[in-house]
Amino acid sequence: MDELFTGAVRTALGLLVACLRAVIWLIWEFCFHLLGWYAGWLPCRLLSLGHYPPETIHEYEAAPALRGFMVCMAGLISLIALATLITRFLTTLN
């Protein structure tokens, strides 16, 4: 009976770990890579006068790791800055 219970617990924990890994991957892939690239591509292009990054907006998978990281970080920083500006503007209206 103990082996049956242990096997069921091990299977349930394995499924829970698999679900957690899938959620973490989804958050990393979607929130950081996809949203970060799309939000950071335009500010990087504007600040570098059209030179950085050399990839088009739809070629985020072809970018080298460091370049992709820099553009994604610029995107996340610009999204945080935009959210901060919007909240400051909305609080001044009241």
C-alpha atoms as a PDB file:
ATOM      1  CA  MET A   1       0.000   0.000   0.000  1.00  0.00           C
ATOM      2  CA  ASP A   2       2.881   2.352   0.793  1.00  0.00           C
ATOM      3  CA  GLU A   3       4.379   1.829  -2.656  1.00  0.00           C
ATOM      4  CA  LEU A   4       1.079   2.758  -4.294  1.00  0.00           C
ATOM      5  CA  PHE A   5       0.800   5.944  -2.221  1.00  0.00           C
ATOM      6  CA  THR A   6       4.444   6.838  -2.872  1.00  0.00           C
ATOM      7  CA  GLY A   7       3.984   6.297  -6.606  1.00  0.00           C
ATOM      8  CA  ALA A   8       0.874   8.480  -6.661  1.00  0.00           C
ATOM      9  CA  VAL A   9       2.621  11.266  -4.754  1.00  0.00           C
ATOM     10  CA  ARG A  10       5.667  11.043  -7.026  1.00  0.00           C
ATOM     11  CA  THR A  11       3.428  11.239 -10.119  1.00  0.00           C
ATOM     12  CA  ALA A  12       1.488  14.198  -8.739  1.00  0.00           C
ATOM     13  CA  LEU A  13       4.696  16.043  -7.866  1.00  0.00           C
ATOM     14  CA  GLY A  14       6.097  15.304 -11.319  1.00  0.00           C
ATOM     15  CA  LEU A  15       3.002  16.793 -12.941  1.00  0.00           C
ATOM     16  CA  LEU A  16       3.188  19.838 -10.679  1.00  0.00           C
ATOM     17  CA  VAL A  17       6.860  20.403 -11.554  1.00  0.00           C
ATOM     18  CA  ALA A  18       6.091  20.016 -15.273  1.00  0.00           C
ATOM     19  CA  CYS A  19       3.275  22.571 -15.039  1.00  0.00           C
ATOM     20  CA  LEU A  20       5.485  24.996 -13.124  1.00  0.00           C
ATOM     21  CA  ARG A  21       8.269  24.662 -15.697  1.00  0.00           C
ATOM     22  CA  ALA A  22       5.773  25.306 -18.502  1.00  0.00           C
ATOM     23  CA  VAL A  23       4.452  28.431 -16.784  1.00  0.00           C
ATOM     24  CA  ILE A  24       7.957  29.752 -16.117  1.00  0.00           C
ATOM     25  CA  TRP A  25       8.939  29.109 -19.735  1.00  0.00           C
ATOM     26  CA  LEU A  26       5.799  30.854 -20.976  1.00  0.00           C
ATOM     27  CA  ILE A  27       6.445  33.891 -18.790  1.00  0.00           C
ATOM     28  CA  TRP A  28      10.092  34.056 -19.870  1.00  0.00           C
ATOM     29  CA  GLU A  29       9.403  33.550 -23.566  1.00  0.00           C
ATOM     30  CA  PHE A  30       6.360  35.773 -23.863  1.00  0.00           C
ATOM     31  CA  CYS A  31       6.948  38.539 -21.351  1.00  0.00           C
ATOM     32  CA  PHE A  32      10.671  38.990 -21.683  1.00  0.00           C
ATOM     33  CA  HIS A  33      11.574  37.919 -25.195  1.00  0.00           C
ATOM     34  CA  LEU A  34       8.503  38.790 -27.201  1.00  0.00           C
ATOM     35  CA  LEU A  35       7.142  41.853 -25.402  1.00  0.00           C
ATOM     36  CA  GLY A  36      10.608  43.101 -24.536  1.00  0.00           C
ATOM     37  CA  TRP A  37      11.817  42.856 -28.141  1.00  0.00           C
ATOM     38  CA  TYR A  38       8.764  44.536 -29.643  1.00  0.00           C
ATOM     39  CA  ALA A  39       8.738  47.278 -27.003  1.00  0.00           C
ATOM     40  CA  GLY A  40      12.499  47.851 -27.178  1.00  0.00           C
ATOM     41  CA  TRP A  41      13.066  47.679 -30.905  1.00  0.00           C
ATOM     42  CA  LEU A  42      11.554  51.072 -31.734  1.00  0.00           C
ATOM     43  CA  PRO A  43      13.281  53.066 -28.952  1.00  0.00           C
ATOM     44  CA  CYS A  44      16.626  51.485 -29.877  1.00  0.00           C
ATOM     45  CA  ARG A  45      16.070  52.307 -33.543  1.00  0.00           C
ATOM     46  CA  LEU A  46      15.073  55.883 -32.727  1.00  0.00           C
ATOM     47  CA  LEU A  47      17.991  56.518 -30.372  1.00  0.00           C
ATOM     48  CA  SER A  48      20.560  55.012 -32.774  1.00  0.00           C
ATOM     49  CA  LEU A  49      19.067  56.773 -35.807  1.00  0.00           C
ATOM     50  CA  GLY A  50      18.100  53.506 -37.478  1.00  0.00           C
ATOM     51  CA  HIS A  51      21.324  51.536 -36.951  1.00  0.00           C
ATOM     52  CA  TYR A  52      20.704  49.365 -33.879  1.00  0.00           C
ATOM     53  CA  PRO A  53      19.532  46.600 -33.942  1.00  0.00           C
ATOM     54  CA  PRO A  54      20.265  45.639 -37.546  1.00  0.00           C
ATOM     55  CA  GLU A  55      17.544  42.959 -37.453  1.00  0.00           C
ATOM     56  CA  THR A  56      14.023  43.904 -38.427  1.00  0.00           C
ATOM     57  CA  ILE A  57      11.316  43.904 -35.805  1.00  0.00           C
ATOM     58  CA  HIS A  58      10.205  40.376 -36.761  1.00  0.00           C
ATOM     59  CA  GLU A  59      13.707  38.842 -36.635  1.00  0.00           C
ATOM     60  CA  TYR A  60      14.103  38.686 -32.855  1.00  0.00           C
ATOM     61  CA  GLU A  61      15.075  35.010 -32.972  1.00  0.00           C
ATOM     62  CA  ALA A  62      17.938  35.762 -35.389  1.00  0.00           C
ATOM     63  CA  ALA A  63      19.531  38.330 -33.092  1.00  0.00           C
ATOM     64  CA  PRO A  64      22.635  37.301 -31.116  1.00  0.00           C
ATOM     65  CA  ALA A  65      22.061  36.704 -27.410  1.00  0.00           C
ATOM     66  CA  LEU A  66      23.656  39.906 -26.124  1.00  0.00           C
ATOM     67  CA  ARG A  67      21.902  42.109 -28.669  1.00  0.00           C
ATOM     68  CA  GLY A  68      18.579  40.436 -27.948  1.00  0.00           C
ATOM     69  CA  PHE A  69      19.091  40.892 -24.228  1.00  0.00           C
ATOM     70  CA  MET A  70      19.949  44.579 -24.626  1.00  0.00           C
ATOM     71  CA  VAL A  71      16.915  45.281 -26.809  1.00  0.00           C
ATOM     72  CA  CYS A  72      14.614  43.330 -24.475  1.00  0.00           C
ATOM     73  CA  MET A  73      15.936  45.216 -21.448  1.00  0.00           C
ATOM     74  CA  ALA A  74      15.446  48.519 -23.248  1.00  0.00           C
ATOM     75  CA  GLY A  75      11.891  47.435 -24.006  1.00  0.00           C
ATOM     76  CA  LEU A  76      11.090  46.493 -20.441  1.00  0.00           C
ATOM     77  CA  ILE A  77      12.638  49.704 -19.132  1.00  0.00           C
ATOM     78  CA  SER A  78      10.634  51.748 -21.629  1.00  0.00           C
ATOM     79  CA  LEU A  79       7.418  49.946 -20.633  1.00  0.00           C
ATOM     80  CA  ILE A  80       8.104  50.647 -16.946  1.00  0.00           C
ATOM     81  CA  ALA A  81       8.875  54.292 -17.737  1.00  0.00           C
ATOM     82  CA  LEU A  82       5.691  54.616 -19.781  1.00  0.00           C
ATOM     83  CA  ALA A  83       3.609  53.091 -16.996  1.00  0.00           C
ATOM     84  CA  THR A  84       5.209  55.478 -14.496  1.00  0.00           C
ATOM     85  CA  LEU A  85       4.460  58.487 -16.690  1.00  0.00           C
ATOM     86  CA  ILE A  86       0.854  57.415 -17.197  1.00  0.00           C
ATOM     87  CA  THR A  87       0.263  56.906 -13.472  1.00  0.00           C
ATOM     88  CA  ARG A  88       1.833  60.262 -12.631  1.00  0.00           C
ATOM     89  CA  PHE A  89      -0.333  61.947 -15.231  1.00  0.00           C
ATOM     90  CA  LEU A  90      -3.474  60.254 -13.954  1.00  0.00           C
ATOM     91  CA  THR A  91      -2.732  61.177 -10.346  1.00  0.00           C
ATOM     92  CA  THR A  92      -2.340  64.852 -11.284  1.00  0.00           C
ATOM     93  CA  LEU A  93      -5.825  64.879 -12.787  1.00  0.00           C
ATOM     94  CA  ASN A  94      -7.486  64.243  -9.405  1.00  0.00           C
END
